[in-house]
Amino acid sequence: MAKTVSPGVLALRKVVEDVYADARTAKAEGKLVGWSSSKFPCELAEAFDLNVMYPENQAAGIAANRDGEIMCKAAEDLGFDNDICGYARISLAYAAGKRASRKLDLETGEYVIDPTSGKPLKDENGNVVIDPETGKPKKDPKTMQPYTVIDDIHEIEALPEGREKELRKAAIKPYRQMQMPQPDFVLCCNNICNCMTKWYENIARMCNIPLIMIDIPYNNTVEVADTNVAYIRSQFDAAIKQLEELTGKKFDEKKFEHACANANRTAQNWLKVCDYLQYKPAPMSGFDLFNHMADVVTARGKTEAADAFELLEQDLEENIKNGTSTLPFPEQYRVMFEGIPCWPKLPNLFKPLKENGVNVTAVVYAPAFGFVYNNMDEMVRAYCKAPNSVCIEQGVDWREGICKANKVDGVLVHYNRSCKPWSGYMAEMQRRFTADLGIPCAGFDGDQADPRNFNEAQYMTRVQGLVEAMEANKTLKEGEDK
């Protein structure tokens, strides 16, 4: 039976599909298409009606589609070190023209099937069909997949028009992230991390295109200094002038205000959605927030995104009224998931949680995209509040506040090889969570994009240990209450 999809989820899927489709159409029509870091002020680009794509979002999608490793290796073949961010490696390979494609036999025009793929074929009684010649299970031809190889879009485009060019174009993986147009300009803001600076400089150099940069200083104090606000506002003005030169248009104040209104409404509705995880039991799986992050990143300044999140909020309200949830198992324990998910290994992350009745009811990564403000100075301060650009006291306060509000029993920490600024102070964070909140924590090694850095056996052991600690904590509290 097919899984029922709610109106809000359907609307959000359409929002992202439309953003990608509009960018492809714009590129085909000779219009400008840009790439932007996820926390560059999208309101500025919206004021110029620009089509903008988000490489972080793209890289997460490529990783979730199981092509992260081959794209990371392609970047390494170009000379980029294995030790840099997996998102950056995927994006840099893509910017260089590398594409994950299905292996092709040019003589027959058919794809070369990978013999290791495919599910066992079952008969009408559900029994696995054994091949009498090999004595091994037969493979279901519907699930057999071609080999994945790296092709080069520049080589393909240089081919003369004809059969080979058509076949090789068609062999590029058809999902939207692998069909994203090449950039005509890049927008970079380093509030998310300093890796962004060199990553986007390299894209600009590779593609010989303009780079518009906004530098957000690290905040050593909880409050953002007025001098920092003035410094960043001057960069907003400089970025506007660069966009005017790029587009040949004057900055449209009304369109900017409209984009700000949309971005605020989207952020407010997104934060309301995040807050539904405070209910016990929760009306959704915390993994739903991870899935919807593509929507808040890709279309935060658009009316359609604000409307879709409003619909999703209504869906969750219905779940509360009906006592239902998108979580496909009874909720026994609630945890905060610290960090960015391992996108290539989402099923592997989810499986032991499901087996132990563990729901993710708190995350820092998702609400970090909820920028809400009333004026330009507040807008600047909002963009200074990315998790990697705030001091440790602010970071601890955010996380412990979410843990309390969302009633967590423990914390699962992803030590993400790709995101060293985030993971670097996690050991101290773990110590503080246990000391301040009295809850157990468990950490595991992984990567947001490169599956080579994830050890499933280690992860399962750490989850089991966390569950045992949460159970012991629960038993102790029940004993104290008697």
Protein backbone atom coordinates (compact mmCIF):
# COMPACT_ATOMS: atom_id res chain seq x y z
CA MET A 1 0.00 0.00 0.00
CA ALA A 2 1.40 3.37 -1.01
CA LYS A 3 2.27 5.78 1.79
CA THR A 4 -0.18 8.68 2.11
CA VAL A 5 1.44 12.04 1.54
CA SER A 6 -0.08 15.08 3.27
CA PRO A 7 -1.07 18.29 1.42
CA GLY A 8 1.74 20.22 3.08
CA VAL A 9 4.41 17.73 2.04
CA LEU A 10 3.08 17.65 -1.53
CA ALA A 11 3.15 21.46 -1.67
CA LEU A 12 6.73 21.57 -0.40
CA ARG A 13 7.88 18.99 -2.93
CA LYS A 14 6.38 21.12 -5.70
CA VAL A 15 8.13 24.24 -4.39
CA VAL A 16 11.57 22.62 -4.74
CA GLU A 17 10.78 21.00 -8.09
CA ASP A 18 9.62 24.38 -9.42
CA VAL A 19 12.78 26.17 -8.26
CA TYR A 20 14.98 23.65 -10.11
CA ALA A 21 12.71 23.65 -13.19
CA ASP A 22 12.64 27.47 -13.32
CA ALA A 23 16.45 27.57 -13.17
CA ARG A 24 16.77 25.06 -16.02
CA THR A 25 14.29 27.08 -18.10
CA ALA A 26 16.10 30.34 -17.33
CA LYS A 27 19.43 28.83 -18.37
CA ALA A 28 17.95 27.54 -21.62
CA GLU A 29 16.59 31.04 -22.33
CA GLY A 30 20.00 32.64 -21.77
CA LYS A 31 19.11 34.22 -18.42
CA LEU A 32 21.48 34.39 -15.47
CA VAL A 33 21.52 31.50 -12.99
CA GLY A 34 23.55 31.76 -9.80
CA TRP A 35 24.81 29.45 -7.07
CA SER A 36 24.54 30.62 -3.46
CA SER A 37 25.66 29.47 -0.04
CA SER A 38 22.67 28.50 2.08
CA LYS A 39 22.83 31.52 4.38
CA PHE A 40 23.65 34.27 1.93
CA PRO A 41 20.85 36.88 2.21
CA CYS A 42 18.43 35.46 -0.37
CA GLU A 43 16.38 38.65 -0.12
CA LEU A 44 19.04 40.53 -2.13
CA ALA A 45 18.89 38.11 -5.07
CA GLU A 46 15.08 38.02 -4.95
CA ALA A 47 15.02 41.82 -5.37
CA PHE A 48 16.63 41.29 -8.80
CA ASP A 49 14.37 38.35 -9.83
CA LEU A 50 17.42 36.11 -10.07
CA ASN A 51 17.28 32.32 -10.34
CA VAL A 52 19.53 30.96 -7.60
CA MET A 53 20.55 27.39 -6.78
CA TYR A 54 22.11 26.11 -3.54
CA PRO A 55 25.16 23.80 -3.80
CA GLU A 56 24.88 22.60 -0.17
CA ASN A 57 21.32 21.51 -0.81
CA GLN A 58 22.40 19.98 -4.12
CA ALA A 59 25.28 18.08 -2.50
CA ALA A 60 23.00 16.70 0.22
CA GLY A 61 20.60 15.50 -2.49
CA ILE A 62 23.39 13.91 -4.50
CA ALA A 63 24.65 12.17 -1.35
CA ALA A 64 21.14 10.97 -0.47
CA ASN A 65 20.87 9.57 -4.01
CA ARG A 66 24.00 7.48 -3.27
CA ASP A 67 26.30 9.37 -5.66
CA GLY A 68 28.26 11.25 -3.00
CA GLU A 69 31.21 8.89 -2.96
CA ILE A 70 31.82 8.84 -6.72
CA MET A 71 31.53 12.65 -6.90
CA CYS A 72 33.90 13.06 -3.93
CA LYS A 73 36.38 10.79 -5.68
CA ALA A 74 36.01 12.85 -8.87
CA ALA A 75 36.96 15.97 -6.88
CA GLU A 76 39.93 14.14 -5.37
CA ASP A 77 41.06 13.22 -8.90
CA LEU A 78 40.98 16.95 -9.67
CA GLY A 79 43.40 17.55 -6.79
CA PHE A 80 41.03 18.44 -3.94
CA ASP A 81 42.01 16.79 -0.68
CA ASN A 82 39.94 13.98 0.84
CA ASP A 83 40.03 15.88 4.13
CA ILE A 84 37.92 18.86 3.01
CA CYS A 85 34.13 19.07 3.31
CA GLY A 86 32.18 16.42 1.37
CA TYR A 87 29.66 19.04 0.21
CA ALA A 88 32.53 21.12 -1.16
CA ARG A 89 34.06 18.15 -2.97
CA ILE A 90 30.75 17.19 -4.60
CA SER A 91 30.10 20.80 -5.59
CA LEU A 92 33.59 21.40 -6.95
CA ALA A 93 33.42 18.22 -9.03
CA TYR A 94 30.04 19.33 -10.37
CA ALA A 95 31.31 22.85 -11.12
CA ALA A 96 34.19 21.26 -13.07
CA GLY A 97 31.58 19.49 -15.22
CA LYS A 98 31.65 16.05 -13.62
CA ARG A 99 28.37 14.13 -13.62
CA ALA A 100 27.28 10.79 -12.17
CA SER A 101 26.00 8.80 -15.15
CA ARG A 102 24.73 5.35 -15.97
CA LYS A 103 27.35 3.25 -17.75
CA LEU A 104 26.51 3.05 -21.44
CA ASP A 105 27.19 0.58 -24.23
CA LEU A 106 27.39 2.93 -27.22
CA GLU A 107 27.05 0.08 -29.72
CA THR A 108 23.70 -1.16 -28.39
CA GLY A 109 22.58 2.08 -26.75
CA GLU A 110 21.76 0.12 -23.58
CA TYR A 111 23.00 0.61 -20.04
CA VAL A 112 25.55 -1.82 -18.61
CA ILE A 113 23.97 -3.47 -15.57
CA ASP A 114 25.88 -3.78 -12.32
CA PRO A 115 25.58 -7.47 -11.34
CA THR A 116 25.80 -6.62 -7.62
CA SER A 117 22.56 -4.61 -7.80
CA GLY A 118 18.97 -5.86 -7.74
CA LYS A 119 16.74 -7.56 -5.21
CA PRO A 120 16.09 -11.33 -5.14
CA LEU A 121 13.19 -12.29 -7.41
CA LYS A 122 10.21 -13.76 -5.56
CA ASP A 123 7.40 -15.97 -6.85
CA GLU A 124 3.65 -15.52 -6.28
CA ASN A 125 4.01 -17.17 -2.84
CA GLY A 126 6.73 -14.76 -1.75
CA ASN A 127 9.50 -17.35 -1.99
CA VAL A 128 12.90 -16.44 -3.42
CA VAL A 129 13.38 -17.90 -6.91
CA ILE A 130 16.60 -19.91 -7.23
CA ASP A 131 18.42 -20.10 -10.55
CA PRO A 132 18.86 -23.84 -11.26
CA GLU A 133 22.12 -23.22 -13.16
CA THR A 134 23.93 -21.21 -10.50
CA GLY A 135 22.07 -22.30 -7.39
CA LYS A 136 21.85 -18.62 -6.39
CA PRO A 137 18.78 -16.37 -6.08
CA LYS A 138 17.65 -14.81 -9.34
CA LYS A 139 17.63 -11.01 -9.48
CA ASP A 140 14.45 -9.05 -10.11
CA PRO A 141 15.15 -7.24 -13.43
CA LYS A 142 13.04 -4.26 -12.30
CA THR A 143 15.50 -3.48 -9.52
CA MET A 144 18.72 -4.07 -11.46
CA GLN A 145 20.75 -0.87 -11.76
CA PRO A 146 23.42 0.22 -14.24
CA TYR A 147 26.97 0.87 -13.10
CA THR A 148 27.50 4.45 -12.00
CA VAL A 149 30.42 6.20 -13.71
CA ILE A 150 31.69 9.76 -13.96
CA ASP A 151 31.16 11.62 -17.22
CA ASP A 152 32.10 15.17 -18.20
CA ILE A 153 29.40 17.54 -19.41
CA HIS A 154 31.97 19.72 -21.20
CA GLU A 155 33.20 16.73 -23.23
CA ILE A 156 29.61 15.80 -24.05
CA GLU A 157 28.73 19.34 -25.15
CA ALA A 158 31.82 19.44 -27.40
CA LEU A 159 30.66 16.37 -29.33
CA PRO A 160 29.05 16.87 -32.76
CA GLU A 161 25.28 16.61 -32.81
CA GLY A 162 24.23 13.00 -33.17
CA ARG A 163 23.49 9.69 -31.52
CA GLU A 164 26.48 9.53 -29.16
CA LYS A 165 25.86 13.02 -27.80
CA GLU A 166 22.16 12.27 -27.22
CA LEU A 167 22.87 8.93 -25.53
CA ARG A 168 25.55 10.34 -23.22
CA LYS A 169 23.35 13.28 -22.23
CA ALA A 170 20.49 10.89 -21.47
CA ALA A 171 22.82 8.70 -19.38
CA ILE A 172 23.42 11.46 -16.80
CA LYS A 173 21.39 10.60 -13.70
CA PRO A 174 17.94 12.17 -14.15
CA TYR A 175 17.25 13.38 -10.60
CA ARG A 176 17.07 17.16 -10.18
CA GLN A 177 20.33 17.70 -8.27
CA MET A 178 22.32 16.08 -11.09
CA GLN A 179 20.53 18.29 -13.63
CA MET A 180 21.27 21.65 -11.96
CA PRO A 181 22.46 24.35 -14.41
CA GLN A 182 26.04 25.58 -14.31
CA PRO A 183 26.45 28.99 -12.62
CA ASP A 184 26.85 32.44 -14.17
CA PHE A 185 27.76 33.98 -10.79
CA VAL A 186 28.20 32.87 -7.18
CA LEU A 187 26.94 34.39 -3.92
CA CYS A 188 28.92 33.49 -0.80
CA CYS A 189 28.42 34.23 2.88
CA ASN A 190 30.79 32.60 5.36
CA ASN A 191 28.45 32.62 8.36
CA ILE A 192 27.85 28.89 7.82
CA CYS A 193 31.59 28.09 7.84
CA ASN A 194 34.91 29.46 6.60
CA CYS A 195 35.34 26.57 4.16
CA MET A 196 32.75 28.43 2.07
CA THR A 197 35.21 31.16 1.18
CA LYS A 198 37.75 28.95 -0.62
CA TRP A 199 35.04 26.62 -1.96
CA TYR A 200 33.24 29.47 -3.74
CA GLU A 201 36.45 31.17 -4.80
CA ASN A 202 37.37 27.94 -6.57
CA ILE A 203 33.97 27.72 -8.28
CA ALA A 204 34.33 31.31 -9.49
CA ARG A 205 37.85 30.61 -10.76
CA MET A 206 36.87 27.34 -12.48
CA CYS A 207 33.86 28.82 -14.22
CA ASN A 208 35.41 32.29 -14.76
CA ILE A 209 32.39 34.03 -13.20
CA PRO A 210 31.83 36.84 -10.66
CA LEU A 211 31.91 36.11 -6.93
CA ILE A 212 29.87 38.30 -4.57
CA MET A 213 31.10 37.82 -1.00
CA ILE A 214 29.66 38.83 2.37
CA ASP A 215 31.94 38.27 5.36
CA ILE A 216 30.26 37.62 8.73
CA PRO A 217 32.73 37.85 11.64
CA TYR A 218 32.71 35.15 14.30
CA ASN A 219 30.80 36.31 17.39
CA ASN A 220 32.88 35.96 20.55
CA THR A 221 29.99 37.31 22.61
CA VAL A 222 26.29 36.42 22.77
CA GLU A 223 25.20 39.83 21.48
CA VAL A 224 26.27 41.03 18.02
CA ALA A 225 28.39 44.19 18.31
CA ASP A 226 27.13 47.39 16.63
CA THR A 227 30.48 47.67 14.83
CA ASN A 228 29.89 44.25 13.27
CA VAL A 229 26.42 45.30 12.16
CA ALA A 230 27.82 48.42 10.48
CA TYR A 231 30.56 46.37 8.79
CA ILE A 232 28.08 43.81 7.43
CA ARG A 233 25.55 46.45 6.32
CA SER A 234 28.25 48.12 4.24
CA GLN A 235 28.82 44.75 2.55
CA PHE A 236 25.09 44.46 1.82
CA ASP A 237 25.35 47.80 0.02
CA ALA A 238 28.41 46.62 -1.91
CA ALA A 239 26.64 43.38 -2.87
CA ILE A 240 23.65 45.37 -4.17
CA LYS A 241 25.94 47.45 -6.38
CA GLN A 242 27.60 44.29 -7.73
CA LEU A 243 24.19 42.77 -8.47
CA GLU A 244 23.16 45.96 -10.27
CA GLU A 245 26.28 45.71 -12.45
CA LEU A 246 25.70 42.00 -13.03
CA THR A 247 22.04 42.29 -14.03
CA GLY A 248 21.95 45.77 -15.56
CA LYS A 249 18.98 46.53 -13.27
CA LYS A 250 18.51 49.00 -10.47
CA PHE A 251 17.82 47.66 -6.98
CA ASP A 252 14.04 47.41 -6.52
CA GLU A 253 13.15 48.43 -2.96
CA LYS A 254 9.57 47.13 -3.24
CA LYS A 255 10.68 43.71 -4.48
CA PHE A 256 13.23 43.61 -1.67
CA GLU A 257 10.58 44.39 0.94
CA HIS A 258 8.31 41.73 -0.60
CA ALA A 259 11.14 39.18 -0.44
CA CYS A 260 11.82 40.11 3.20
CA ALA A 261 8.13 39.64 4.03
CA ASN A 262 8.14 36.22 2.33
CA ALA A 263 11.39 35.18 4.02
CA ASN A 264 10.05 36.19 7.44
CA ARG A 265 6.74 34.37 6.91
CA THR A 266 8.56 31.27 5.67
CA ALA A 267 10.92 31.38 8.67
CA GLN A 268 8.07 31.90 11.15
CA ASN A 269 6.06 29.01 9.69
CA TRP A 270 9.16 26.82 9.58
CA LEU A 271 9.88 27.52 13.26
CA LYS A 272 6.26 26.67 14.11
CA VAL A 273 6.70 23.35 12.30
CA CYS A 274 9.90 22.70 14.27
CA ASP A 275 8.05 23.48 17.52
CA TYR A 276 5.61 20.61 16.95
CA LEU A 277 8.36 18.27 18.10
CA GLN A 278 7.71 19.62 21.62
CA TYR A 279 4.52 17.53 21.82
CA LYS A 280 4.82 14.19 23.58
CA PRO A 281 4.43 11.92 21.70
CA ALA A 282 5.51 13.98 18.68
CA PRO A 283 3.17 14.27 15.68
CA MET A 284 6.08 13.67 13.33
CA SER A 285 9.44 12.03 12.97
CA GLY A 286 12.40 14.34 13.52
CA PHE A 287 13.80 12.99 10.25
CA ASP A 288 10.95 14.86 8.52
CA LEU A 289 12.67 18.13 9.46
CA PHE A 290 15.86 16.96 7.81
CA ASN A 291 13.91 16.16 4.63
CA HIS A 292 12.15 19.55 4.62
CA MET A 293 15.38 21.52 4.99
CA ALA A 294 15.69 21.48 1.20
CA ASP A 295 12.52 23.56 1.08
CA VAL A 296 13.55 26.21 3.60
CA VAL A 297 17.01 26.56 2.01
CA THR A 298 15.91 26.58 -1.63
CA ALA A 299 12.87 28.85 -1.49
CA ARG A 300 12.88 30.84 1.75
CA GLY A 301 12.20 34.15 -0.02
CA LYS A 302 9.26 32.86 -2.07
CA THR A 303 5.53 33.13 -1.33
CA GLU A 304 5.02 29.48 -2.30
CA ALA A 305 7.38 28.26 0.44
CA ALA A 306 5.63 30.34 3.11
CA ASP A 307 2.26 28.98 1.97
CA ALA A 308 3.50 25.38 1.88
CA PHE A 309 4.91 25.51 5.41
CA GLU A 310 1.59 26.93 6.57
CA LEU A 311 -0.08 23.87 5.04
CA LEU A 312 2.43 21.58 6.73
CA GLU A 313 1.66 23.24 10.06
CA GLN A 314 -2.05 22.49 9.48
CA ASP A 315 -1.16 18.85 8.71
CA LEU A 316 0.65 18.57 12.04
CA GLU A 317 -2.23 20.22 13.88
CA GLU A 318 -4.48 17.51 12.43
CA ASN A 319 -2.05 14.87 13.65
CA ILE A 320 -2.30 16.31 17.16
CA LYS A 321 -6.12 16.30 17.05
CA ASN A 322 -6.25 12.75 15.68
CA GLY A 323 -3.46 11.35 17.83
CA THR A 324 -1.48 10.34 14.73
CA SER A 325 2.15 10.82 13.71
CA THR A 326 4.43 10.44 10.71
CA LEU A 327 6.68 8.40 13.04
CA PRO A 328 6.16 4.78 11.91
CA PHE A 329 6.65 3.25 15.37
CA PRO A 330 5.64 3.97 19.00
CA GLU A 331 7.79 6.67 20.61
CA GLN A 332 9.60 5.33 23.69
CA TYR A 333 12.62 7.63 23.88
CA ARG A 334 13.27 11.17 22.64
CA VAL A 335 16.71 12.41 21.63
CA MET A 336 18.40 15.46 20.21
CA PHE A 337 20.35 14.69 17.03
CA GLU A 338 23.36 16.98 17.08
CA GLY A 339 24.78 17.96 13.72
CA ILE A 340 24.07 17.40 10.05
CA PRO A 341 22.70 13.95 9.11
CA CYS A 342 24.71 11.39 7.14
CA TRP A 343 22.66 11.86 3.97
CA PRO A 344 24.05 8.79 2.14
CA LYS A 345 23.16 6.63 5.14
CA LEU A 346 19.73 7.89 6.26
CA PRO A 347 18.16 4.39 6.25
CA ASN A 348 21.12 3.10 8.30
CA LEU A 349 20.71 5.99 10.76
CA PHE A 350 16.99 5.38 11.08
CA LYS A 351 16.97 1.59 11.45
CA PRO A 352 18.43 1.19 14.99
CA LEU A 353 16.40 4.18 16.19
CA LYS A 354 13.22 2.49 14.93
CA GLU A 355 14.21 -0.83 16.50
CA ASN A 356 14.59 0.89 19.89
CA GLY A 357 11.61 3.27 19.69
CA VAL A 358 13.83 6.36 19.54
CA ASN A 359 12.45 9.53 17.92
CA VAL A 360 14.59 12.56 17.11
CA THR A 361 12.61 15.41 18.69
CA ALA A 362 15.30 18.09 18.80
CA VAL A 363 17.80 19.36 16.22
CA VAL A 364 19.85 22.53 16.00
CA TYR A 365 20.50 22.36 12.26
CA ALA A 366 16.86 22.81 11.18
CA PRO A 367 15.68 25.87 13.22
CA ALA A 368 18.99 27.58 12.43
CA PHE A 369 17.37 28.56 9.10
CA GLY A 370 14.55 30.43 10.85
CA PHE A 371 15.75 34.02 10.31
CA VAL A 372 13.11 36.44 11.67
CA TYR A 373 13.62 40.23 11.75
CA ASN A 374 11.81 43.58 11.53
CA ASN A 375 14.39 45.94 10.01
CA MET A 376 17.79 45.96 8.32
CA ASP A 377 19.85 45.96 11.54
CA GLU A 378 17.82 43.03 12.85
CA MET A 379 18.26 41.28 9.50
CA VAL A 380 22.04 41.62 9.80
CA ARG A 381 21.97 40.30 13.37
CA ALA A 382 19.82 37.35 12.26
CA TYR A 383 22.39 36.39 9.62
CA CYS A 384 25.08 36.44 12.32
CA LYS A 385 23.29 33.68 14.23
CA ALA A 386 24.41 30.62 12.28
CA PRO A 387 25.54 27.71 14.51
CA ASN A 388 29.18 27.91 13.38
CA SER A 389 29.47 31.68 13.85
CA VAL A 390 28.37 32.00 17.49
CA CYS A 391 30.36 31.57 20.69
CA ILE A 392 30.19 28.34 22.65
CA GLU A 393 28.00 29.85 25.40
CA GLN A 394 25.37 30.82 22.81
CA GLY A 395 25.66 27.35 21.27
CA VAL A 396 25.20 25.59 24.62
CA ASP A 397 22.26 27.83 25.52
CA TRP A 398 20.48 27.10 22.21
CA ARG A 399 20.93 23.37 22.49
CA GLU A 400 20.04 23.04 26.15
CA GLY A 401 16.94 25.20 25.56
CA ILE A 402 15.80 22.89 22.76
CA CYS A 403 16.54 19.79 24.86
CA LYS A 404 14.36 21.11 27.69
CA ALA A 405 11.53 22.38 25.48
CA ASN A 406 11.44 19.18 23.40
CA LYS A 407 11.70 16.89 26.44
CA VAL A 408 14.65 14.78 25.32
CA ASP A 409 15.98 11.76 27.19
CA GLY A 410 19.42 11.82 25.59
CA VAL A 411 21.66 13.28 22.89
CA LEU A 412 23.09 11.56 19.80
CA VAL A 413 26.11 13.48 18.50
CA HIS A 414 27.35 13.15 14.93
CA TYR A 415 31.10 13.79 14.79
CA ASN A 416 30.97 14.87 11.18
CA ARG A 417 34.31 14.61 9.38
CA SER A 418 33.10 17.09 6.76
CA CYS A 419 32.18 19.78 9.28
CA LYS A 420 35.18 20.31 11.52
CA PRO A 421 34.09 23.72 12.91
CA TRP A 422 30.86 22.12 14.13
CA SER A 423 32.38 18.89 15.42
CA GLY A 424 35.43 20.48 17.01
CA TYR A 425 33.74 21.57 20.21
CA MET A 426 31.27 18.72 20.48
CA ALA A 427 33.22 16.91 23.21
CA GLU A 428 32.78 19.98 25.43
CA MET A 429 29.12 20.22 24.38
CA GLN A 430 28.55 16.60 25.40
CA ARG A 431 30.15 17.24 28.78
CA ARG A 432 27.92 20.26 29.34
CA PHE A 433 24.72 18.46 28.32
CA THR A 434 25.35 15.69 30.85
CA ALA A 435 26.47 18.05 33.60
CA ASP A 436 23.70 20.62 33.12
CA LEU A 437 20.76 18.46 32.06
CA GLY A 438 21.61 15.09 33.60
CA ILE A 439 21.02 13.23 30.35
CA PRO A 440 23.27 10.67 28.63
CA CYS A 441 25.06 11.42 25.37
CA ALA A 442 26.59 9.17 22.72
CA GLY A 443 28.78 10.18 19.78
CA PHE A 444 29.46 8.45 16.50
CA ASP A 445 31.78 9.12 13.55
CA GLY A 446 30.31 9.89 10.15
CA ASP A 447 30.09 12.31 7.28
CA GLN A 448 27.33 14.42 5.77
CA ALA A 449 28.19 13.40 2.19
CA ASP A 450 30.98 10.82 1.96
CA PRO A 451 29.79 7.33 3.02
CA ARG A 452 33.38 6.10 3.37
CA ASN A 453 33.55 7.90 6.72
CA PHE A 454 30.53 6.17 8.30
CA ASN A 455 30.87 2.92 10.27
CA GLU A 456 27.47 1.30 10.69
CA ALA A 457 28.62 -1.18 13.33
CA GLN A 458 30.02 1.61 15.49
CA TYR A 459 26.84 3.64 15.07
CA MET A 460 24.57 0.74 16.07
CA THR A 461 26.71 0.06 19.15
CA ARG A 462 26.59 3.71 20.21
CA VAL A 463 22.79 3.88 19.75
CA GLN A 464 22.38 0.71 21.82
CA GLY A 465 24.60 2.18 24.54
CA LEU A 466 22.57 5.40 24.55
CA VAL A 467 19.31 3.47 24.81
CA GLU A 468 20.64 1.48 27.77
CA ALA A 469 21.77 4.70 29.49
CA MET A 470 18.39 6.38 28.86
CA GLU A 471 16.60 3.30 30.25
CA ALA A 472 18.81 3.34 33.36
CA ASN A 473 18.16 7.06 33.79
CA LYS A 474 14.42 6.48 33.44
CA THR A 475 14.45 3.66 36.00
CA LEU A 476 16.43 5.83 38.44
CA LYS A 477 13.97 8.73 38.13
CA GLU A 478 10.98 6.43 38.56
CA GLY A 479 12.59 5.09 41.75
CA GLU A 480 13.13 8.63 43.08
CA ASP A 481 9.49 9.55 42.37
CA LYS A 482 8.14 6.68 44.51
